[in-house]
């Protein structure tokens, strides 16, 4: 397939192929564990044709998790379209032509379906059968739960490949998810060389850190623990009636100092200033330990110990009135503001802070950077393995909480700008393994500038200013959110109907439509964002 066919033609092709049941695993290995199979898949897919045709050129073909720029090493293999090489690699790996790859995804846009259909056809051209299906509900438990044995498995998830994305908080987030036994590593068995290279990237010295990333990318490019596909921007969309009060544009998928309390817009017919947006809950509010700022509801509900600027560099206290980092980076102390409160009026305490980070250490679907930061704390392992009832490296004195690290973590302060404290009293008796299923996530109590007024799951959520907010009462009277996941099929439709004052998207389809609307402003922002196939290399049960 030199040129990508239309989605309709490819769909017909797939119907002709038919779908065979998933072949049983033979022995104790996965066919995806052979790097030659992963290399063959990379060579089989014509990503340049997909980007040029399906995405109207609004993406860059990837050859690594790391996007192009100062952190990208030169000279990597681009795995250009080469079906003959793919066939030879599959032959060398003794690929079973009866095996059917189970590929999953969670985006709700048509472009994803078209992409899956194209990939299915490309793989069929080299003798690999594939089915694809969309996941619904609690994605974390279906995608990222690690196996009990991080060396031998078996897998705790059911798929062979997962089409997903890494919106990286730091460069380490691209790769920390491949550390054996780490939270969210559902896919990659222990690889001593890979682990050694990843750990080297946590050097405090910037020069040493960059050199380590270069070496890591070379190994990644050779063995393909994942299959990188393309890099993309995020697009911030706002109606021309919204005044952001000079707030900068940043990576909207994370938390930064956007000063929403000063945002303003005209009153509607009822005399209220109502901001309309997406990012409301579908069946529950998203817990903030995996995707800390991906959804609008999370962004307005929770504050953090410190706040970052638009470049995601922490620079001042938020819930903390002050903070101090020791010269060796091994201790960080936060002193909480006086008078700060949860949305139910109860005080935010140092005990809430300490409990949050201890509890999160036992949550299985945890952001990789956050997980690495916690692991560096003194006493983490004793606590995680049940030999201690608390993490020794988290201590309280008065209104100050101090975090002490066995080894300094270069992303520690960044983590505190993204992962918020939660109210301990609302999680009494909650199993960390069932964190997302807790009743709290049906009607959360936060600490941010807006509090939840009313929610009808799958229909709408309404937020109003939190009048006890330490940063002052917001000018906007009400935020109306309609429900959406990361991929929002109604985004451009609602924008065209005047039902969207603010939002952000990575959908090329949306952007092409939105750029034609006179009432909207679309601002592209360069971010660390890579779409890829995670490859499950563990044997299935």
Protein backbone atom coordinates (compact mmCIF):
# COMPACT_ATOMS: atom_id res chain seq x y z
CA UNK A 1 0.00 0.00 0.00
CA UNK A 2 2.04 2.96 -1.28
CA UNK A 3 -0.83 5.33 -0.62
CA UNK A 4 -3.36 5.10 2.13
CA UNK A 5 -6.75 4.14 0.76
CA UNK A 6 -9.98 5.76 1.83
CA UNK A 7 -11.43 4.60 5.14
CA UNK A 8 -14.36 3.08 3.31
CA UNK A 9 -12.14 1.03 0.98
CA UNK A 10 -10.01 -0.13 3.87
CA UNK A 11 -13.08 -1.12 5.82
CA UNK A 12 -14.22 -3.33 2.93
CA UNK A 13 -10.73 -4.83 2.79
CA UNK A 14 -10.93 -5.69 6.48
CA UNK A 15 -14.28 -7.37 6.05
CA UNK A 16 -12.79 -9.55 3.34
CA UNK A 17 -9.96 -10.51 5.71
CA UNK A 18 -12.41 -11.70 8.32
CA UNK A 19 -11.65 -12.00 12.03
CA UNK A 20 -10.28 -15.12 13.62
CA UNK A 21 -10.43 -15.77 17.36
CA UNK A 22 -7.38 -14.88 19.39
CA UNK A 23 -4.88 -17.72 19.19
CA UNK A 24 -3.92 -19.42 22.42
CA UNK A 25 -0.54 -18.57 23.87
CA UNK A 26 1.96 -21.36 23.48
CA UNK A 27 4.34 -21.88 26.38
CA UNK A 28 5.27 -19.05 28.69
CA UNK A 29 6.24 -16.31 26.25
CA UNK A 30 4.35 -13.75 24.22
CA UNK A 31 4.91 -13.52 20.46
CA UNK A 32 5.22 -9.77 21.01
CA UNK A 33 8.28 -10.32 23.23
CA UNK A 34 10.47 -10.82 20.16
CA UNK A 35 11.83 -7.41 19.08
CA UNK A 36 11.84 -8.58 15.46
CA UNK A 37 8.03 -8.75 15.57
CA UNK A 38 7.81 -5.18 16.87
CA UNK A 39 10.29 -4.01 14.25
CA UNK A 40 8.26 -5.76 11.55
CA UNK A 41 5.10 -3.96 12.64
CA UNK A 42 6.92 -0.62 12.51
CA UNK A 43 8.19 -1.31 8.98
CA UNK A 44 4.75 -2.52 7.85
CA UNK A 45 2.89 0.73 8.64
CA UNK A 46 3.31 3.66 6.23
CA UNK A 47 3.06 6.42 8.82
CA UNK A 48 4.09 9.14 6.36
CA UNK A 49 1.12 8.31 4.14
CA UNK A 50 -1.17 8.25 7.18
CA UNK A 51 0.05 11.65 8.43
CA UNK A 52 -0.06 13.26 4.98
CA UNK A 53 -3.50 11.96 4.03
CA UNK A 54 -5.48 11.11 7.15
CA UNK A 55 -4.11 13.97 9.29
CA UNK A 56 -3.68 16.63 6.63
CA UNK A 57 -0.02 16.92 7.58
CA UNK A 58 -0.82 18.23 11.10
CA UNK A 59 1.53 15.77 12.81
CA UNK A 60 5.13 14.57 12.60
CA UNK A 61 6.11 10.94 12.04
CA UNK A 62 7.83 9.60 15.17
CA UNK A 63 10.91 7.40 15.49
CA UNK A 64 11.15 7.58 19.28
CA UNK A 65 9.01 8.45 22.26
CA UNK A 66 11.02 11.69 22.49
CA UNK A 67 9.72 14.46 20.21
CA UNK A 68 12.06 16.41 17.95
CA UNK A 69 14.06 19.11 19.71
CA UNK A 70 16.95 19.58 22.09
CA UNK A 71 16.35 16.27 23.89
CA UNK A 72 16.25 14.18 20.70
CA UNK A 73 19.36 12.24 19.65
CA UNK A 74 20.27 12.33 15.95
CA UNK A 75 20.63 9.37 13.61
CA UNK A 76 17.77 7.12 14.78
CA UNK A 77 16.26 4.52 12.46
CA UNK A 78 13.05 5.96 11.04
CA UNK A 79 11.51 2.53 10.29
CA UNK A 80 10.30 3.82 6.94
CA UNK A 81 7.63 1.88 5.10
CA UNK A 82 9.23 -1.41 3.97
CA UNK A 83 6.82 -4.36 3.73
CA UNK A 84 9.51 -6.67 2.31
CA UNK A 85 11.72 -6.12 5.37
CA UNK A 86 8.68 -6.60 7.62
CA UNK A 87 7.93 -9.97 6.03
CA UNK A 88 11.54 -11.11 6.44
CA UNK A 89 11.61 -10.12 10.11
CA UNK A 90 8.37 -11.98 10.74
CA UNK A 91 9.79 -15.05 8.99
CA UNK A 92 12.97 -14.85 11.09
CA UNK A 93 10.84 -14.56 14.24
CA UNK A 94 8.70 -17.55 13.15
CA UNK A 95 5.52 -15.52 13.38
CA UNK A 96 2.37 -17.65 13.56
CA UNK A 97 0.13 -16.39 10.71
CA UNK A 98 -2.94 -17.67 12.58
CA UNK A 99 -2.33 -15.46 15.59
CA UNK A 100 -4.71 -12.47 15.72
CA UNK A 101 -3.46 -9.31 17.39
CA UNK A 102 -5.95 -7.82 19.84
CA UNK A 103 -5.53 -4.04 19.51
CA UNK A 104 -7.40 -1.65 21.83
CA UNK A 105 -7.91 2.11 21.89
CA UNK A 106 -9.94 4.61 23.92
CA UNK A 107 -10.40 7.65 21.66
CA UNK A 108 -13.90 8.36 20.39
CA UNK A 109 -13.13 10.18 17.13
CA UNK A 110 -13.59 8.86 13.61
CA UNK A 111 -9.95 9.52 12.76
CA UNK A 112 -8.88 6.88 15.29
CA UNK A 113 -11.20 4.33 13.69
CA UNK A 114 -9.78 5.23 10.27
CA UNK A 115 -6.24 4.89 11.63
CA UNK A 116 -6.99 1.48 13.14
CA UNK A 117 -8.53 0.38 9.85
CA UNK A 118 -5.46 1.52 7.93
CA UNK A 119 -3.08 -0.24 10.32
CA UNK A 120 -5.16 -3.40 10.07
CA UNK A 121 -4.81 -3.34 6.29
CA UNK A 122 -1.07 -2.58 6.36
CA UNK A 123 -0.45 -5.49 8.74
CA UNK A 124 -2.57 -7.81 6.61
CA UNK A 125 -0.28 -6.96 3.68
CA UNK A 126 2.64 -8.57 5.55
CA UNK A 127 0.69 -11.53 6.94
CA UNK A 128 -0.37 -10.29 10.38
CA UNK A 129 -4.02 -10.54 11.37
CA UNK A 130 -5.48 -7.92 13.70
CA UNK A 131 -8.76 -6.92 15.31
CA UNK A 132 -9.40 -3.64 17.11
CA UNK A 133 -11.87 -2.57 19.78
CA UNK A 134 -12.66 0.56 21.82
CA UNK A 135 -12.41 0.39 25.61
CA UNK A 136 -15.08 2.01 27.78
CA UNK A 137 -15.42 2.79 31.50
CA UNK A 138 -12.48 2.61 33.92
CA UNK A 139 -9.64 2.72 31.43
CA UNK A 140 -6.90 2.49 34.04
CA UNK A 141 -7.91 -0.99 35.17
CA UNK A 142 -8.11 -2.20 31.57
CA UNK A 143 -4.87 -0.65 30.36
CA UNK A 144 -2.27 -0.13 33.07
CA UNK A 145 -2.55 -2.66 35.90
CA UNK A 146 0.91 -4.31 36.31
CA UNK A 147 1.25 -8.09 36.60
CA UNK A 148 1.99 -9.53 40.03
CA UNK A 149 5.28 -10.88 38.67
CA UNK A 150 7.04 -8.07 36.75
CA UNK A 151 9.56 -10.50 35.26
CA UNK A 152 7.55 -13.48 34.07
CA UNK A 153 3.93 -12.33 34.19
CA UNK A 154 1.35 -13.45 33.32
CA UNK A 155 -0.26 -10.29 32.03
CA UNK A 156 -2.96 -8.57 34.06
CA UNK A 157 -4.43 -6.98 30.90
CA UNK A 158 -5.94 -8.70 27.88
CA UNK A 159 -4.63 -6.84 24.84
CA UNK A 160 -1.59 -7.26 22.60
CA UNK A 161 -1.23 -3.61 21.56
CA UNK A 162 -2.86 -0.46 22.92
CA UNK A 163 -3.10 2.67 20.78
CA UNK A 164 -2.55 5.44 23.30
CA UNK A 165 -0.57 8.58 23.95
CA UNK A 166 1.98 9.94 26.37
CA UNK A 167 1.42 13.59 27.19
CA UNK A 168 4.66 13.90 29.11
CA UNK A 169 4.90 16.04 32.21
CA UNK A 170 8.67 15.65 32.08
CA UNK A 171 11.04 13.84 29.77
CA UNK A 172 11.18 11.02 32.31
CA UNK A 173 7.47 10.33 31.94
CA UNK A 174 8.08 8.92 28.48
CA UNK A 175 10.26 6.16 29.86
CA UNK A 176 9.62 5.65 33.59
CA UNK A 177 6.53 3.63 32.65
CA UNK A 178 8.85 0.87 31.42
CA UNK A 179 10.53 0.26 34.80
CA UNK A 180 9.65 -3.28 35.98
CA UNK A 181 7.05 -3.41 38.73
CA UNK A 182 6.27 0.27 38.38
CA UNK A 183 2.75 1.61 38.55
CA UNK A 184 1.13 1.49 35.10
CA UNK A 185 3.73 -0.89 33.59
CA UNK A 186 1.28 -3.46 32.34
CA UNK A 187 3.26 -4.22 29.21
CA UNK A 188 7.05 -4.56 29.56
CA UNK A 189 8.86 -7.34 31.47
CA UNK A 190 12.06 -6.57 33.35
CA UNK A 191 14.92 -5.65 31.02
CA UNK A 192 18.10 -4.93 32.97
CA UNK A 193 19.66 -2.81 30.22
CA UNK A 194 16.51 -0.72 29.69
CA UNK A 195 16.06 -0.19 33.43
CA UNK A 196 19.69 0.89 33.85
CA UNK A 197 19.36 3.43 31.04
CA UNK A 198 16.08 4.81 32.40
CA UNK A 199 17.46 5.27 35.90
CA UNK A 200 20.44 7.17 34.50
CA UNK A 201 18.07 9.80 33.10
CA UNK A 202 17.18 10.88 36.65
CA UNK A 203 20.58 12.53 37.09
CA UNK A 204 20.35 15.92 38.78
CA UNK A 205 23.01 17.43 36.51
CA UNK A 206 21.33 18.64 33.31
CA UNK A 207 24.21 17.70 31.02
CA UNK A 208 24.42 14.17 32.42
CA UNK A 209 20.65 13.86 32.19
CA UNK A 210 20.58 14.81 28.51
CA UNK A 211 23.44 12.43 27.67
CA UNK A 212 21.57 9.62 29.44
CA UNK A 213 18.43 10.34 27.41
CA UNK A 214 20.45 10.13 24.19
CA UNK A 215 21.78 6.68 25.12
CA UNK A 216 18.31 5.54 26.16
CA UNK A 217 16.79 6.59 22.84
CA UNK A 218 19.39 4.59 20.90
CA UNK A 219 18.46 1.44 22.80
CA UNK A 220 14.75 2.19 22.53
CA UNK A 221 15.09 2.66 18.78
CA UNK A 222 16.89 -0.67 18.44
CA UNK A 223 14.55 -2.92 20.45
CA UNK A 224 11.25 -0.96 20.28
CA UNK A 225 9.73 -1.66 23.71
CA UNK A 226 6.87 0.39 22.22
CA UNK A 227 6.08 1.40 18.63
CA UNK A 228 6.12 5.21 18.26
CA UNK A 229 3.76 6.59 15.62
CA UNK A 230 3.57 10.41 15.57
CA UNK A 231 3.99 13.68 17.50
CA UNK A 232 1.28 16.33 17.78
CA UNK A 233 0.44 19.76 19.20
CA UNK A 234 -2.44 20.65 21.49
CA UNK A 235 -4.88 23.31 20.25
CA UNK A 236 -6.45 25.72 22.74
CA UNK A 237 -9.89 26.91 21.62
CA UNK A 238 -11.74 29.90 23.06
CA UNK A 239 -14.69 32.01 22.07
CA UNK A 240 -13.94 35.63 21.28
CA UNK A 241 -16.22 36.71 24.13
CA UNK A 242 -13.88 35.13 26.73
CA UNK A 243 -11.29 37.39 28.37
CA UNK A 244 -8.45 35.28 29.79
CA UNK A 245 -7.04 38.34 31.59
CA UNK A 246 -3.63 37.85 30.02
CA UNK A 247 -3.27 34.24 31.16
CA UNK A 248 -0.55 32.47 29.16
CA UNK A 249 -1.09 29.47 26.93
CA UNK A 250 0.65 26.32 28.08
CA UNK A 251 0.29 22.59 28.02
CA UNK A 252 -3.40 22.41 28.86
CA UNK A 253 -3.16 18.72 29.74
CA UNK A 254 -1.30 19.65 32.93
CA UNK A 255 -1.71 22.28 35.63
CA UNK A 256 -0.12 25.70 35.50
CA UNK A 257 -0.82 29.22 36.73
CA UNK A 258 -3.64 30.14 34.36
CA UNK A 259 -5.30 32.47 36.92
CA UNK A 260 -8.86 31.42 36.09
CA UNK A 261 -10.23 33.49 38.99
CA UNK A 262 -9.67 36.58 36.81
CA UNK A 263 -11.20 35.20 33.61
CA UNK A 264 -14.25 37.14 32.50
CA UNK A 265 -17.05 37.17 29.93
CA UNK A 266 -20.34 39.02 29.37
CA UNK A 267 -23.49 38.20 31.30
CA UNK A 268 -26.10 36.04 29.61
CA UNK A 269 -29.86 36.76 29.46
CA UNK A 270 -30.25 35.58 33.07
CA UNK A 271 -27.63 38.05 34.28
CA UNK A 272 -24.96 35.40 34.93
CA UNK A 273 -21.45 35.05 33.59
CA UNK A 274 -21.48 31.42 32.44
CA UNK A 275 -18.44 29.68 30.97
CA UNK A 276 -19.32 26.72 28.76
CA UNK A 277 -16.76 23.99 28.28
CA UNK A 278 -16.22 20.25 28.02
CA UNK A 279 -14.22 17.92 30.28
CA UNK A 280 -17.10 17.04 32.59
CA UNK A 281 -17.56 13.52 33.99
CA UNK A 282 -19.07 10.74 31.91
CA UNK A 283 -19.66 8.17 34.67
CA UNK A 284 -17.26 9.43 37.38
CA UNK A 285 -14.84 12.28 37.98
CA UNK A 286 -11.37 11.29 36.88
CA UNK A 287 -8.97 10.73 39.78
CA UNK A 288 -5.94 13.05 39.41
CA UNK A 289 -3.09 10.58 40.02
CA UNK A 290 -2.73 9.36 36.42
CA UNK A 291 -3.71 12.34 34.24
CA UNK A 292 -3.42 15.29 36.64
CA UNK A 293 -4.83 18.05 34.41
CA UNK A 294 -6.31 16.32 31.41
CA UNK A 295 -9.94 17.06 32.27
CA UNK A 296 -11.39 20.50 32.95
CA UNK A 297 -13.23 19.23 36.02
CA UNK A 298 -9.94 18.20 37.66
CA UNK A 299 -8.28 21.49 36.76
CA UNK A 300 -10.82 23.68 38.54
CA UNK A 301 -11.53 21.36 41.49
CA UNK A 302 -8.06 20.93 42.95
CA UNK A 303 -5.16 23.14 43.99
CA UNK A 304 -1.61 21.94 44.60
CA UNK A 305 1.17 22.56 47.08
CA UNK A 306 3.01 24.68 44.50
CA UNK A 307 2.06 26.08 41.10
CA UNK A 308 4.01 25.95 37.83
CA UNK A 309 4.28 28.57 35.11
CA UNK A 310 3.17 27.97 31.52
CA UNK A 311 6.40 26.07 30.78
CA UNK A 312 5.56 23.72 33.70
CA UNK A 313 8.36 25.10 35.88
CA UNK A 314 7.27 25.31 39.55
CA UNK A 315 7.84 28.82 40.84
CA UNK A 316 5.64 29.70 43.82
CA UNK A 317 3.49 28.23 46.55
CA UNK A 318 -0.23 27.56 46.12
CA UNK A 319 -1.72 25.63 49.07
CA UNK A 320 1.74 26.09 50.59
CA UNK A 321 2.54 29.65 51.63
CA UNK A 322 6.22 28.82 51.23
CA UNK A 323 8.51 25.95 50.37
CA UNK A 324 12.22 25.17 50.67
CA UNK A 325 14.45 22.76 48.73
CA UNK A 326 17.75 21.74 50.33
CA UNK A 327 20.97 22.36 48.32
CA UNK A 328 21.45 18.61 47.76
CA UNK A 329 17.81 18.18 46.66
CA UNK A 330 17.16 15.53 49.32
CA UNK A 331 14.57 17.46 51.35
CA UNK A 332 11.62 19.61 50.31
CA UNK A 333 9.52 21.32 52.97
CA UNK A 334 6.09 22.88 52.45
CA UNK A 335 4.41 25.16 54.98
CA UNK A 336 0.64 25.25 54.46
CA UNK A 337 -1.23 28.55 54.34
CA UNK A 338 -3.39 29.42 57.30
CA UNK A 339 -7.14 29.30 56.77
CA UNK A 340 -7.23 27.14 53.62
CA UNK A 341 -10.25 24.88 53.40
CA UNK A 342 -11.83 22.05 51.46
CA UNK A 343 -15.03 22.79 49.60
CA UNK A 344 -17.06 21.32 52.48
CA UNK A 345 -15.59 24.02 54.76
CA UNK A 346 -13.27 21.73 56.74
CA UNK A 347 -9.61 22.78 57.06
CA UNK A 348 -6.87 21.43 54.78
CA UNK A 349 -4.33 19.92 57.15
CA UNK A 350 -0.76 18.60 56.99
CA UNK A 351 -2.24 15.18 57.80
CA UNK A 352 -4.27 15.37 54.55
CA UNK A 353 -1.04 16.02 52.66
CA UNK A 354 0.92 13.19 54.27
CA UNK A 355 -1.96 10.73 53.88
CA UNK A 356 -2.49 11.60 50.20
CA UNK A 357 1.03 10.76 49.12
CA UNK A 358 1.19 7.61 51.25
CA UNK A 359 -2.15 6.41 49.91
CA UNK A 360 -1.18 7.18 46.32
CA UNK A 361 1.87 4.92 46.67
CA UNK A 362 -0.55 1.97 46.74
CA UNK A 363 -2.75 3.09 43.84
CA UNK A 364 -1.98 0.85 40.81
CA UNK A 365 -2.84 3.34 38.06
CA UNK A 366 -0.32 6.00 38.95
CA UNK A 367 1.47 8.46 36.69
CA UNK A 368 4.99 7.14 36.02
CA UNK A 369 6.78 10.36 37.02
CA UNK A 370 4.78 10.58 40.24
CA UNK A 371 5.52 6.93 40.99
CA UNK A 372 9.27 7.43 40.50
CA UNK A 373 9.22 10.45 42.82
CA UNK A 374 7.50 8.47 45.56
CA UNK A 375 9.91 5.54 45.20
CA UNK A 376 12.84 7.86 45.92
CA UNK A 377 11.45 8.75 49.38
CA UNK A 378 13.15 7.34 52.45
CA UNK A 379 11.21 4.36 53.74
CA UNK A 380 9.09 3.95 50.61
CA UNK A 381 9.88 0.28 50.09
CA UNK A 382 9.22 -0.66 53.71
CA UNK A 383 5.83 1.03 53.52
CA UNK A 384 4.92 -0.42 50.12
CA UNK A 385 5.76 -3.95 51.24
CA UNK A 386 3.89 -3.65 54.55
CA UNK A 387 6.90 -3.51 56.90
CA UNK A 388 5.96 0.03 57.99
CA UNK A 389 2.65 1.80 58.53
CA UNK A 390 3.88 5.09 57.06
CA UNK A 391 6.55 6.43 54.73
CA UNK A 392 9.44 7.49 56.93
CA UNK A 393 10.43 10.21 54.48
CA UNK A 394 7.20 12.20 54.99
CA UNK A 395 7.15 14.07 58.30
CA UNK A 396 4.91 16.73 59.87
CA UNK A 397 5.94 19.52 62.21
CA UNK A 398 3.27 22.10 62.92
CA UNK A 399 1.93 23.22 59.54
CA UNK A 400 5.04 22.09 57.68
CA UNK A 401 5.29 18.82 55.77
CA UNK A 402 8.80 17.69 54.86
CA UNK A 403 9.65 15.11 52.20
CA UNK A 404 13.06 13.46 52.59
CA UNK A 405 14.57 11.44 49.74
CA UNK A 406 17.06 8.59 49.85
CA UNK A 407 18.19 9.84 46.46
CA UNK A 408 17.19 13.23 45.03
CA UNK A 409 14.57 13.20 42.30
CA UNK A 410 14.90 15.81 39.58
CA UNK A 411 11.10 15.93 39.08
CA UNK A 412 10.02 16.09 42.73
CA UNK A 413 8.95 19.74 42.84
CA UNK A 414 7.25 19.39 39.46
CA UNK A 415 5.19 16.50 40.86
CA UNK A 416 3.95 18.67 43.73
CA UNK A 417 2.67 21.19 41.17
CA UNK A 418 0.55 18.51 39.48
CA UNK A 419 -0.71 15.91 41.96
CA UNK A 420 -3.02 17.49 44.55
CA UNK A 421 -3.63 16.66 48.19
CA UNK A 422 -7.01 15.03 48.81
CA UNK A 423 -9.27 15.14 51.92
CA UNK A 424 -8.32 12.11 54.02
CA UNK A 425 -11.65 11.86 55.83
CA UNK A 426 -13.54 11.16 52.61
CA UNK A 427 -11.51 8.04 51.85
CA UNK A 428 -11.98 6.12 55.09
CA UNK A 429 -12.10 2.40 54.29
CA UNK A 430 -11.33 2.87 50.58
CA UNK A 431 -9.10 0.20 49.03
CA UNK A 432 -6.26 1.85 47.05
CA UNK A 433 -6.72 -0.86 44.41
CA UNK A 434 -10.29 0.43 43.90
CA UNK A 435 -9.40 4.10 44.14
CA UNK A 436 -11.33 5.24 41.05
CA UNK A 437 -14.43 3.34 42.20
CA UNK A 438 -14.65 5.24 45.50
CA UNK A 439 -17.94 7.09 46.11
CA UNK A 440 -15.90 10.30 46.39
CA UNK A 441 -15.49 10.40 42.61
CA UNK A 442 -19.24 10.72 42.13
CA UNK A 443 -19.28 14.04 44.01
CA UNK A 444 -15.72 15.15 44.85
CA UNK A 445 -14.76 17.72 47.47
CA UNK A 446 -11.85 19.82 46.26
CA UNK A 447 -9.64 22.74 47.18
CA UNK A 448 -9.59 24.80 43.98
CA UNK A 449 -11.26 28.04 42.83
CA UNK A 450 -14.50 26.30 41.78
CA UNK A 451 -16.61 23.76 43.63
CA UNK A 452 -19.14 21.27 42.34
CA UNK A 453 -22.73 22.50 42.57
CA UNK A 454 -24.59 19.80 40.66
CA UNK A 455 -23.79 16.81 38.48
CA UNK A 456 -25.83 14.46 36.32
CA UNK A 457 -23.39 11.82 35.15
CA UNK A 458 -23.23 11.66 31.40
CA UNK A 459 -25.33 14.83 31.01
CA UNK A 460 -23.77 17.88 32.68
CA UNK A 461 -21.82 19.21 35.65
CA UNK A 462 -22.16 22.71 37.12
CA UNK A 463 -19.45 24.49 39.12
CA UNK A 464 -19.63 27.73 41.08
CA UNK A 465 -16.91 29.86 42.73
CA UNK A 466 -15.60 28.66 46.09
CA UNK A 467 -16.10 31.75 48.25
CA UNK A 468 -13.50 30.67 50.84
CA UNK A 469 -10.81 30.30 48.16
CA UNK A 470 -7.59 31.89 49.39
CA UNK A 471 -6.92 33.44 45.97
CA UNK A 472 -10.19 35.38 45.90
CA UNK A 473 -13.62 34.72 44.41
CA UNK A 474 -13.72 34.07 40.67
CA UNK A 475 -15.39 36.62 38.37
CA UNK A 476 -17.21 33.90 36.42
CA UNK A 477 -20.50 32.99 38.13
CA UNK A 478 -20.80 29.47 36.81
CA UNK A 479 -18.99 26.86 34.72
CA UNK A 480 -21.16 24.47 32.74
CA UNK A 481 -19.35 21.35 31.59
CA UNK A 482 -20.73 18.78 29.27
CA UNK A 483 -19.30 15.25 29.61
CA UNK A 484 -16.37 14.14 27.50
CA UNK A 485 -13.40 11.85 27.63
CA UNK A 486 -9.99 12.64 26.23
CA UNK A 487 -11.41 12.44 22.73
CA UNK A 488 -14.61 14.48 22.48
CA UNK A 489 -16.80 13.68 19.46
CA UNK A 490 -19.04 16.71 20.18
CA UNK A 491 -16.24 19.27 20.51
CA UNK A 492 -16.49 20.97 17.11
CA UNK A 493 -20.28 20.59 16.97
CA UNK A 494 -20.78 22.37 20.31
CA UNK A 495 -18.24 25.03 19.36
CA UNK A 496 -20.12 25.75 16.14
CA UNK A 497 -23.37 26.02 18.11
CA UNK A 498 -21.89 28.60 20.51
CA UNK A 499 -21.77 26.09 23.38
CA UNK A 500 -18.01 26.23 23.93
CA UNK A 501 -16.18 29.18 25.44
CA UNK A 502 -12.99 27.31 26.29
CA UNK A 503 -11.49 23.91 25.58
CA UNK A 504 -8.52 22.11 24.11
CA UNK A 505 -8.16 19.32 21.61
CA UNK A 506 -5.56 17.26 19.81
CA UNK A 507 -7.99 16.14 17.13
CA UNK A 508 -6.93 17.23 13.65
CA UNK A 509 -10.54 16.77 12.52
CA UNK A 510 -11.68 19.29 15.15
CA UNK A 511 -9.00 21.82 14.26
CA UNK A 512 -9.78 21.78 10.55
CA UNK A 513 -13.44 22.52 11.35
CA UNK A 514 -12.80 25.05 14.13
CA UNK A 515 -10.40 27.17 12.12
CA UNK A 516 -13.32 28.05 9.82
CA UNK A 517 -15.48 29.51 12.64
CA UNK A 518 -15.36 33.31 12.98
CA UNK A 519 -16.42 33.30 16.64
CA UNK A 520 -13.46 31.24 17.82
CA UNK A 521 -9.75 31.64 18.31
CA UNK A 522 -7.57 28.53 17.90
CA UNK A 523 -4.06 28.66 19.39
CA UNK A 524 -1.59 25.82 18.70
CA UNK A 525 0.83 24.98 21.52
CA UNK A 526 3.95 22.82 21.21
CA UNK A 527 3.90 20.09 23.84
CA UNK A 528 5.53 16.78 24.70
CA UNK A 529 2.95 14.53 23.13
CA UNK A 530 3.55 11.21 21.38
CA UNK A 531 1.01 8.73 20.07
CA UNK A 532 2.14 5.13 19.94
CA UNK A 533 1.34 1.48 20.32
CA UNK A 534 2.13 0.11 23.75
CA UNK A 535 3.05 -3.53 23.18
CA UNK A 536 2.12 -6.17 25.77
CA UNK A 537 5.16 -8.45 25.96
CA UNK A 538 3.93 -10.48 28.94
CA UNK A 539 2.41 -13.92 28.34
CA UNK A 540 -1.34 -14.03 28.82
CA UNK A 541 -2.83 -16.26 31.54
